[in-house]
């Protein structure tokens, strides 16, 4: 029937394939960064909660601008 003739797989334009690949890649990177962040928060809580470490200093803004240790 004529109605079914247009329902087959259409060939996508090359720029659309490239755009789709970039969007999927960025989504995967976003998910990986989110999982990494949640994993770090979970590990930090398991290691003593508010215990200060060198790794957390940069997140609290006390890097090179903070007072000298010791």
N, C-alpha and C. Protein backbone atom coordinates (compact mmCIF):
# COMPACT_ATOMS: atom_id res chain seq x y z
N UNK A 1 0.85 -1.19 0.00
CA UNK A 1 0.00 0.00 0.00
C UNK A 1 0.88 1.24 0.00
N UNK A 2 0.40 2.36 -0.52
CA UNK A 2 1.21 3.57 -0.60
C UNK A 2 1.59 4.14 0.77
N UNK A 3 0.80 3.87 1.79
CA UNK A 3 1.10 4.43 3.12
C UNK A 3 2.35 3.80 3.72
N UNK A 4 2.63 2.54 3.39
CA UNK A 4 3.77 1.86 3.97
C UNK A 4 5.07 2.14 3.22
N UNK A 5 5.00 2.79 2.11
CA UNK A 5 6.20 2.99 1.29
C UNK A 5 7.20 3.91 1.99
N UNK A 6 6.76 4.89 2.77
CA UNK A 6 7.66 5.84 3.40
C UNK A 6 8.13 5.46 4.79
N UNK A 7 7.78 4.28 5.28
CA UNK A 7 8.13 3.92 6.65
C UNK A 7 9.43 3.14 6.75
N UNK A 8 10.13 2.95 5.64
CA UNK A 8 11.39 2.22 5.68
C UNK A 8 12.50 3.06 6.31
N UNK A 9 13.65 2.45 6.49
CA UNK A 9 14.78 3.16 7.09
C UNK A 9 15.28 4.23 6.11
N UNK A 10 15.38 5.45 6.61
CA UNK A 10 15.88 6.54 5.77
C UNK A 10 17.38 6.69 5.98
N UNK A 11 18.08 7.08 4.96
CA UNK A 11 19.51 7.32 5.08
C UNK A 11 19.72 8.69 5.68
N UNK A 12 20.48 8.75 6.76
CA UNK A 12 20.71 10.01 7.46
C UNK A 12 21.78 10.84 6.75
N UNK A 13 21.66 12.13 6.89
CA UNK A 13 22.67 13.03 6.32
C UNK A 13 23.97 12.89 7.11
N UNK A 14 25.12 13.04 6.46
CA UNK A 14 26.41 12.91 7.17
C UNK A 14 26.55 13.88 8.33
N UNK A 15 26.09 15.12 8.18
CA UNK A 15 26.23 16.07 9.28
C UNK A 15 25.36 15.67 10.47
N UNK A 16 24.24 15.00 10.20
CA UNK A 16 23.37 14.56 11.28
C UNK A 16 24.00 13.39 12.03
N UNK A 17 24.68 12.52 11.30
CA UNK A 17 25.38 11.41 11.95
C UNK A 17 26.50 11.96 12.83
N UNK A 18 27.24 12.94 12.32
CA UNK A 18 28.32 13.54 13.11
C UNK A 18 27.79 14.25 14.34
N UNK A 19 26.71 14.98 14.19
CA UNK A 19 26.11 15.69 15.32
C UNK A 19 25.62 14.70 16.38
N UNK A 20 25.00 13.62 15.92
CA UNK A 20 24.53 12.60 16.86
C UNK A 20 25.69 11.96 17.60
N UNK A 21 26.79 11.69 16.89
CA UNK A 21 27.96 11.10 17.54
C UNK A 21 28.54 12.03 18.60
N UNK A 22 28.61 13.32 18.30
CA UNK A 22 29.15 14.29 19.26
C UNK A 22 28.25 14.38 20.49
N UNK A 23 26.93 14.43 20.27
CA UNK A 23 26.00 14.52 21.40
C UNK A 23 26.08 13.27 22.28
N UNK A 24 26.15 12.11 21.67
CA UNK A 24 26.26 10.87 22.45
C UNK A 24 27.59 10.84 23.21
N UNK A 25 28.67 11.26 22.59
CA UNK A 25 29.97 11.29 23.25
C UNK A 25 29.94 12.23 24.45
N UNK A 26 29.38 13.42 24.29
CA UNK A 26 29.32 14.37 25.40
C UNK A 26 28.43 13.85 26.53
N UNK A 27 27.36 13.15 26.18
CA UNK A 27 26.49 12.58 27.20
C UNK A 27 27.23 11.51 28.00
N UNK A 28 28.00 10.66 27.31
CA UNK A 28 28.77 9.63 28.00
C UNK A 28 29.81 10.26 28.93
N UNK A 29 30.49 11.30 28.46
CA UNK A 29 31.48 11.99 29.30
C UNK A 29 30.79 12.60 30.52
N UNK A 30 29.62 13.22 30.33
CA UNK A 30 28.88 13.81 31.43
C UNK A 30 28.52 12.75 32.47
N UNK A 31 28.04 11.60 32.03
CA UNK A 31 27.66 10.54 32.96
C UNK A 31 28.88 10.03 33.70
N UNK A 32 30.01 9.86 33.01
CA UNK A 32 31.22 9.39 33.67
C UNK A 32 31.72 10.38 34.71
N UNK A 33 31.68 11.68 34.40
CA UNK A 33 32.10 12.69 35.37
C UNK A 33 31.17 12.71 36.58
N UNK A 34 29.87 12.53 36.35
CA UNK A 34 28.92 12.50 37.44
C UNK A 34 29.16 11.30 38.34
N UNK A 35 29.40 10.13 37.75
CA UNK A 35 29.68 8.93 38.54
C UNK A 35 30.98 9.11 39.32
N UNK A 36 31.99 9.69 38.70
CA UNK A 36 33.26 9.93 39.38
C UNK A 36 33.08 10.85 40.58
N UNK A 37 32.29 11.92 40.41
CA UNK A 37 32.06 12.85 41.50
C UNK A 37 31.32 12.19 42.65
N UNK A 38 30.28 11.41 42.33
CA UNK A 38 29.53 10.71 43.38
C UNK A 38 30.41 9.68 44.08
N UNK A 39 31.28 9.00 43.34
CA UNK A 39 32.19 8.02 43.93
C UNK A 39 33.16 8.69 44.90
N UNK A 40 33.71 9.86 44.50
CA UNK A 40 34.63 10.59 45.39
C UNK A 40 33.93 11.04 46.67
N UNK A 41 32.69 11.52 46.55
CA UNK A 41 31.94 11.95 47.73
C UNK A 41 31.69 10.76 48.66
N UNK A 42 31.34 9.63 48.07
CA UNK A 42 31.07 8.44 48.88
C UNK A 42 32.33 7.96 49.59
N UNK A 43 33.45 7.93 48.88
CA UNK A 43 34.70 7.50 49.49
C UNK A 43 35.14 8.47 50.59
N UNK A 44 34.89 9.76 50.38
CA UNK A 44 35.28 10.76 51.38
C UNK A 44 34.46 10.55 52.66
N UNK A 45 33.18 10.25 52.52
CA UNK A 45 32.34 10.02 53.70
C UNK A 45 32.77 8.76 54.44
N UNK A 46 33.16 7.73 53.71
CA UNK A 46 33.57 6.47 54.35
C UNK A 46 34.90 6.61 55.07
N UNK A 47 35.73 7.58 54.67
CA UNK A 47 37.06 7.72 55.27
C UNK A 47 37.07 8.67 56.46
N UNK A 48 35.95 9.07 56.98
CA UNK A 48 35.95 9.86 58.18
C UNK A 48 35.18 11.16 58.12
N UNK A 49 34.36 11.33 57.13
CA UNK A 49 33.48 12.48 57.09
C UNK A 49 34.20 13.80 56.92
N UNK A 50 34.35 14.55 58.02
CA UNK A 50 34.90 15.90 57.94
C UNK A 50 36.42 15.93 58.10
N UNK A 51 37.06 14.78 58.07
CA UNK A 51 38.52 14.76 58.16
C UNK A 51 39.13 15.48 56.97
N UNK A 52 40.02 16.42 57.24
CA UNK A 52 40.60 17.23 56.16
C UNK A 52 41.80 16.51 55.56
N UNK A 53 41.84 16.51 54.24
CA UNK A 53 42.95 15.93 53.52
C UNK A 53 43.45 16.94 52.50
N UNK A 54 44.59 16.67 51.90
CA UNK A 54 45.13 17.59 50.91
C UNK A 54 44.23 17.67 49.69
N UNK A 55 43.54 16.60 49.36
CA UNK A 55 42.69 16.58 48.19
C UNK A 55 41.48 17.49 48.32
N UNK A 56 41.01 17.72 49.54
CA UNK A 56 39.82 18.55 49.70
C UNK A 56 40.16 20.03 49.84
N UNK A 57 41.43 20.37 50.05
CA UNK A 57 41.79 21.77 50.22
C UNK A 57 41.44 22.60 49.00
N UNK A 58 41.66 22.06 47.81
CA UNK A 58 41.38 22.84 46.61
C UNK A 58 39.89 23.06 46.42
N UNK A 59 39.06 22.17 46.95
CA UNK A 59 37.62 22.35 46.82
C UNK A 59 37.10 23.43 47.77
N UNK A 60 37.82 23.63 48.88
CA UNK A 60 37.39 24.64 49.85
C UNK A 60 38.04 25.98 49.60
N UNK A 61 38.84 26.09 48.58
CA UNK A 61 39.43 27.38 48.22
C UNK A 61 40.64 27.74 49.05
N UNK A 62 41.30 26.76 49.68
CA UNK A 62 42.48 27.06 50.47
C UNK A 62 43.72 26.46 49.82
N UNK A 63 43.89 26.73 48.58
CA UNK A 63 45.05 26.19 47.86
C UNK A 63 46.28 27.00 48.14
N UNK A 64 46.85 27.61 47.11
CA UNK A 64 48.05 28.40 47.25
C UNK A 64 47.78 29.71 47.98
N UNK A 65 46.54 30.17 48.01
CA UNK A 65 46.21 31.45 48.62
C UNK A 65 46.06 31.34 50.14
N UNK A 66 45.98 30.14 50.65
CA UNK A 66 45.76 29.96 52.09
C UNK A 66 47.05 30.17 52.86
N UNK A 67 46.93 30.11 54.21
CA UNK A 67 48.12 30.28 55.04
C UNK A 67 49.09 29.11 54.86
N UNK A 68 50.35 29.39 55.09
CA UNK A 68 51.37 28.36 54.93
C UNK A 68 51.22 27.32 56.02
N UNK A 69 51.31 26.03 55.66
CA UNK A 69 51.19 24.98 56.69
C UNK A 69 52.40 24.97 57.60
N UNK A 70 52.15 24.59 58.87
CA UNK A 70 53.25 24.45 59.82
C UNK A 70 53.53 25.71 60.47
